[in-house]
Amino acid sequence: MSTNEPAVSNHAAPPSQTCDLHIRYAPGMREVETMNTEELREAFLVTNLFPAGRLCIHFTDLDRMAVGGVMPAERLALPAFKETGTDFFLQRREMGIINIGNEGLVTVDGADYPLNHLECLYVGRGAREVVFAPGPKGGSAYYFVSTPAHAAYPTTRAGRKDANILELGEVRLANRRRILQYIHETGIRSCQLVMGYTELIEGSVWNTMPPHTHGRRTEIYFYFDLAGQMVFHLLGMPSRTRHVLVRDREAVLAPSWSVHSGAGTGNYRFIWAMGGENQAFSDMDSVAPSALS
């Protein structure tokens, strides 16, 4: 983990609070069996996460997780929402942020945290003000996920050199991939949020194969760096799988009972984030590919 101390902020102008808010309710496992393509996309696919100059957030009823994106043209503050039932957003929540764009800056309660491409910032429960700013080149794009929190941990920044890196899969099975863990049991401390990203090695297209479910938590996949490619993402019960077609900078919600796996038309990256009853990365209910249908 990075031990760099944040700089003290000195911003004269107050930040803007321009925001797009969405509320999402997930269907049950039996409902999914009867849904058509458009209904599946409306229920599980999260699109348009980066409206220019605005903050976008989706509140879900899946472990009360929230997911959003910010591509600021000026300093943009994370507002308070009545959906949290609190005075400010992180009063009883925590959040993880990964910058998928150019160099940028996030300010937390007056302290500046520069974030380069694919660097992560964890913001703990109790932080009153979070402000997203563009970097000198513009094009900063912050993806974030938030979960409820009953304990407070310090705001912490981490880069690739701070991540725990796992190498998984095989080239012959087209699933060779590298997992970078940022917020996890032995990395950045959090209350319940677990977060990082996976990158597919050139020539590999399958993610999370063999597949699994998580009976004790929700997971959200955010696909990016598709370079014009697309991903066929599997969801639903293992014995009755469905799929949605995912394009660059789109996310898919995965209830605890649903598989979450996919194959692309080329290699890509995706950010994974989980919230639930534990933080053990390996806590999963494996599904043999032969059991899929």
Foldseek 3Di string as FASTA:
>chain_A
DDPDFFAFADDDDDAAAAEAEAEAEADDQVVVLPDDQVVQCRRWKFPPQEDEQYKYKYFYPFLRKMKGKYQHPAKYKHAADCVVVDPADQQFKKKKKFWQWAWWWKAWLRTIDIHGHGKMKIAWRPTHIIITGADPVGTTMMIMMMHGAPDTDHIDIGDQVQWDKDWDDDLVQLETKIWTWADFDPHRDYRFKTKTKMWRDWNHFKYCPVKWAAQFKKKKKFWAPCVPKWKWWWKHAQARIDTHIGDHGMMTIHHRRMITMIGMPTITMIMMMMGGDHRDPPRTGGDHNVNGD
